[in-house]
Amino acid sequence: QIDVTLMKKRKLDEENDSPTTFEEKPGEPVNLALDPKGHEDDSYEARKTFLTNYFNKQPYASRREIEKLAASLWLWKNDIASHFSNKRKKCVRDCERYKPGVLLGFNMKELNKVKHNMEF
């Protein structure tokens, strides 16, 4: 008879051996989606607006990006990480609430002007 707890433990050990986390390379330079230079003396709200613009370019900032943004903007790392997290949650919540559709680049105002004689 096979010991079930031993099998479960062995399975857990095998799962823990596999690399499941992404390791960043500290020697490589950090490339930011937007340059924060010139925003360090802005008001708190202006710096938050910069973070929102950054989020629109890069919604999943890496730990090193957050550290560099925090140092450049004189904000706490937790503030930046929570700003990004809250923005992502708001995006998901808005998508669920408003059920957006992808229109493949069509401008609906212009598309409504199109006349045709087709009958369906």
C-alpha atoms as a PDB file:
ATOM      1  CA  GLN A   1       0.000   0.000   0.000  1.00  0.00           C
ATOM      2  CA  ILE A   2       1.304   3.459  -1.017  1.00  0.00           C
ATOM      3  CA  ASP A   3       1.413   6.215   1.567  1.00  0.00           C
ATOM      4  CA  VAL A   4      -0.762   9.064   0.177  1.00  0.00           C
ATOM      5  CA  THR A   5       0.817  11.764   2.354  1.00  0.00           C
ATOM      6  CA  LEU A   6       4.259  10.801   1.086  1.00  0.00           C
ATOM      7  CA  MET A   7       3.033  11.108  -2.513  1.00  0.00           C
ATOM      8  CA  LYS A   8       1.522  14.543  -1.802  1.00  0.00           C
ATOM      9  CA  LYS A   9       4.748  15.701  -0.180  1.00  0.00           C
ATOM     10  CA  ARG A  10       6.781  14.429  -3.125  1.00  0.00           C
ATOM     11  CA  LYS A  11       4.469  16.259  -5.536  1.00  0.00           C
ATOM     12  CA  LEU A  12       4.821  19.494  -3.548  1.00  0.00           C
ATOM     13  CA  ASP A  13       8.594  19.144  -3.518  1.00  0.00           C
ATOM     14  CA  GLU A  14       8.618  18.680  -7.293  1.00  0.00           C
ATOM     15  CA  GLU A  15       6.449  21.776  -7.766  1.00  0.00           C
ATOM     16  CA  ASN A  16       8.722  23.867  -5.558  1.00  0.00           C
ATOM     17  CA  ASP A  17      11.761  22.879  -7.623  1.00  0.00           C
ATOM     18  CA  SER A  18      10.351  24.452 -10.777  1.00  0.00           C
ATOM     19  CA  PRO A  19      11.074  28.153 -11.298  1.00  0.00           C
ATOM     20  CA  THR A  20       7.781  29.980 -10.840  1.00  0.00           C
ATOM     21  CA  THR A  21       9.022  33.494 -10.160  1.00  0.00           C
ATOM     22  CA  PHE A  22      10.583  35.965 -12.537  1.00  0.00           C
ATOM     23  CA  GLU A  23      13.976  37.196 -11.406  1.00  0.00           C
ATOM     24  CA  GLU A  24      15.014  40.623 -12.549  1.00  0.00           C
ATOM     25  CA  LYS A  25      18.615  41.249 -13.511  1.00  0.00           C
ATOM     26  CA  PRO A  26      19.950  44.008 -11.270  1.00  0.00           C
ATOM     27  CA  GLY A  27      22.913  44.754 -13.538  1.00  0.00           C
ATOM     28  CA  GLU A  28      20.763  45.793 -16.483  1.00  0.00           C
ATOM     29  CA  PRO A  29      19.608  49.410 -16.810  1.00  0.00           C
ATOM     30  CA  VAL A  30      15.940  50.187 -16.161  1.00  0.00           C
ATOM     31  CA  ASN A  31      14.083  51.442 -19.230  1.00  0.00           C
ATOM     32  CA  LEU A  32      11.099  53.568 -18.240  1.00  0.00           C
ATOM     33  CA  ALA A  33       8.107  53.983 -20.559  1.00  0.00           C
ATOM     34  CA  LEU A  34       7.992  57.735 -19.794  1.00  0.00           C
ATOM     35  CA  ASP A  35      10.773  59.977 -18.538  1.00  0.00           C
ATOM     36  CA  PRO A  36      10.005  61.365 -15.054  1.00  0.00           C
ATOM     37  CA  LYS A  37      12.643  64.122 -15.301  1.00  0.00           C
ATOM     38  CA  GLY A  38      11.199  67.535 -14.588  1.00  0.00           C
ATOM     39  CA  HIS A  39       8.288  66.157 -12.535  1.00  0.00           C
ATOM     40  CA  GLU A  40      10.084  65.847  -9.193  1.00  0.00           C
ATOM     41  CA  ASP A  41       9.162  69.432  -8.204  1.00  0.00           C
ATOM     42  CA  ASP A  42       5.547  69.172  -9.390  1.00  0.00           C
ATOM     43  CA  SER A  43       2.625  69.063  -6.995  1.00  0.00           C
ATOM     44  CA  TYR A  44       1.502  65.742  -5.574  1.00  0.00           C
ATOM     45  CA  GLU A  45      -1.511  65.670  -7.908  1.00  0.00           C
ATOM     46  CA  ALA A  46       0.683  66.431 -10.935  1.00  0.00           C
ATOM     47  CA  ARG A  47       3.002  63.556 -10.014  1.00  0.00           C
ATOM     48  CA  LYS A  48      -0.032  61.254  -9.643  1.00  0.00           C
ATOM     49  CA  THR A  49      -1.169  62.403 -13.099  1.00  0.00           C
ATOM     50  CA  PHE A  50       2.279  61.478 -14.412  1.00  0.00           C
ATOM     51  CA  LEU A  51       1.874  58.029 -12.819  1.00  0.00           C
ATOM     52  CA  THR A  52      -1.503  57.647 -14.536  1.00  0.00           C
ATOM     53  CA  ASN A  53       0.083  58.538 -17.882  1.00  0.00           C
ATOM     54  CA  TYR A  54       2.857  56.050 -17.147  1.00  0.00           C
ATOM     55  CA  PHE A  55       0.229  53.425 -16.293  1.00  0.00           C
ATOM     56  CA  ASN A  56      -1.436  54.031 -19.671  1.00  0.00           C
ATOM     57  CA  LYS A  57       1.869  53.148 -21.361  1.00  0.00           C
ATOM     58  CA  GLN A  58       2.985  50.393 -18.968  1.00  0.00           C
ATOM     59  CA  PRO A  59       0.260  49.007 -16.656  1.00  0.00           C
ATOM     60  CA  TYR A  60       2.548  46.371 -15.102  1.00  0.00           C
ATOM     61  CA  ALA A  61       5.645  48.175 -13.854  1.00  0.00           C
ATOM     62  CA  SER A  62       8.477  45.996 -12.600  1.00  0.00           C
ATOM     63  CA  ARG A  63       9.881  46.330  -9.090  1.00  0.00           C
ATOM     64  CA  ARG A  64      12.914  48.173 -10.438  1.00  0.00           C
ATOM     65  CA  GLU A  65      10.728  50.544 -12.476  1.00  0.00           C
ATOM     66  CA  ILE A  66       8.734  51.332  -9.332  1.00  0.00           C
ATOM     67  CA  GLU A  67      11.950  51.949  -7.391  1.00  0.00           C
ATOM     68  CA  LYS A  68      13.274  54.282 -10.089  1.00  0.00           C
ATOM     69  CA  LEU A  69       9.962  56.142 -10.339  1.00  0.00           C
ATOM     70  CA  ALA A  70       9.846  56.513  -6.547  1.00  0.00           C
ATOM     71  CA  ALA A  71      13.352  57.962  -6.467  1.00  0.00           C
ATOM     72  CA  SER A  72      12.670  60.292  -9.410  1.00  0.00           C
ATOM     73  CA  LEU A  73       9.259  61.545  -8.261  1.00  0.00           C
ATOM     74  CA  TRP A  74       9.976  61.683  -4.510  1.00  0.00           C
ATOM     75  CA  LEU A  75       7.119  59.289  -3.740  1.00  0.00           C
ATOM     76  CA  TRP A  76       6.978  56.167  -1.599  1.00  0.00           C
ATOM     77  CA  LYS A  77       7.295  52.838  -3.453  1.00  0.00           C
ATOM     78  CA  ASN A  78       4.084  51.678  -1.756  1.00  0.00           C
ATOM     79  CA  ASP A  79       2.223  54.724  -3.116  1.00  0.00           C
ATOM     80  CA  ILE A  80       3.340  53.946  -6.652  1.00  0.00           C
ATOM     81  CA  ALA A  81       2.611  50.210  -6.403  1.00  0.00           C
ATOM     82  CA  SER A  82      -0.846  50.837  -4.929  1.00  0.00           C
ATOM     83  CA  HIS A  83      -1.570  53.486  -7.588  1.00  0.00           C
ATOM     84  CA  PHE A  84      -0.836  50.944 -10.326  1.00  0.00           C
ATOM     85  CA  SER A  85      -2.823  48.233  -8.543  1.00  0.00           C
ATOM     86  CA  ASN A  86      -5.832  50.498  -8.043  1.00  0.00           C
ATOM     87  CA  LYS A  87      -5.751  51.597 -11.678  1.00  0.00           C
ATOM     88  CA  ARG A  88      -5.654  47.965 -12.867  1.00  0.00           C
ATOM     89  CA  LYS A  89      -8.585  47.072 -10.592  1.00  0.00           C
ATOM     90  CA  LYS A  90     -10.550  50.075 -11.856  1.00  0.00           C
ATOM     91  CA  CYS A  91      -9.906  49.049 -15.466  1.00  0.00           C
ATOM     92  CA  VAL A  92     -11.125  45.505 -14.803  1.00  0.00           C
ATOM     93  CA  ARG A  93     -14.166  46.780 -12.894  1.00  0.00           C
ATOM     94  CA  ASP A  94     -15.042  49.241 -15.695  1.00  0.00           C
ATOM     95  CA  CYS A  95     -14.672  46.522 -18.339  1.00  0.00           C
ATOM     96  CA  GLU A  96     -17.023  44.276 -16.382  1.00  0.00           C
ATOM     97  CA  ARG A  97     -19.519  47.073 -15.774  1.00  0.00           C
ATOM     98  CA  TYR A  98     -19.643  48.694 -19.214  1.00  0.00           C
ATOM     99  CA  LYS A  99     -19.004  45.648 -21.440  1.00  0.00           C
ATOM    100  CA  PRO A 100     -16.791  47.466 -23.964  1.00  0.00           C
ATOM    101  CA  GLY A 101     -16.577  46.211 -27.521  1.00  0.00           C
ATOM    102  CA  VAL A 102     -13.636  46.379 -29.856  1.00  0.00           C
ATOM    103  CA  LEU A 103     -14.536  48.174 -33.060  1.00  0.00           C
ATOM    104  CA  LEU A 104     -11.314  47.414 -34.963  1.00  0.00           C
ATOM    105  CA  GLY A 105     -10.420  51.069 -35.481  1.00  0.00           C
ATOM    106  CA  PHE A 106     -13.731  52.222 -36.947  1.00  0.00           C
ATOM    107  CA  ASN A 107     -14.892  55.712 -36.043  1.00  0.00           C
ATOM    108  CA  MET A 108     -18.583  55.111 -35.341  1.00  0.00           C
ATOM    109  CA  LYS A 109     -19.572  58.732 -36.126  1.00  0.00           C
ATOM    110  CA  GLU A 110     -18.044  58.413 -39.579  1.00  0.00           C
ATOM    111  CA  LEU A 111     -19.421  54.906 -40.021  1.00  0.00           C
ATOM    112  CA  ASN A 112     -22.983  56.135 -39.326  1.00  0.00           C
ATOM    113  CA  LYS A 113     -22.666  58.532 -42.271  1.00  0.00           C
ATOM    114  CA  VAL A 114     -22.136  55.659 -44.715  1.00  0.00           C
ATOM    115  CA  LYS A 115     -25.197  55.010 -46.885  1.00  0.00           C
ATOM    116  CA  HIS A 116     -25.847  51.771 -48.723  1.00  0.00           C
ATOM    117  CA  ASN A 117     -28.669  50.024 -50.561  1.00  0.00           C
ATOM    118  CA  MET A 118     -28.135  46.571 -49.157  1.00  0.00           C
ATOM    119  CA  GLU A 119     -31.024  44.705 -47.655  1.00  0.00           C
ATOM    120  CA  PHE A 120     -30.538  42.094 -44.951  1.00  0.00           C
END
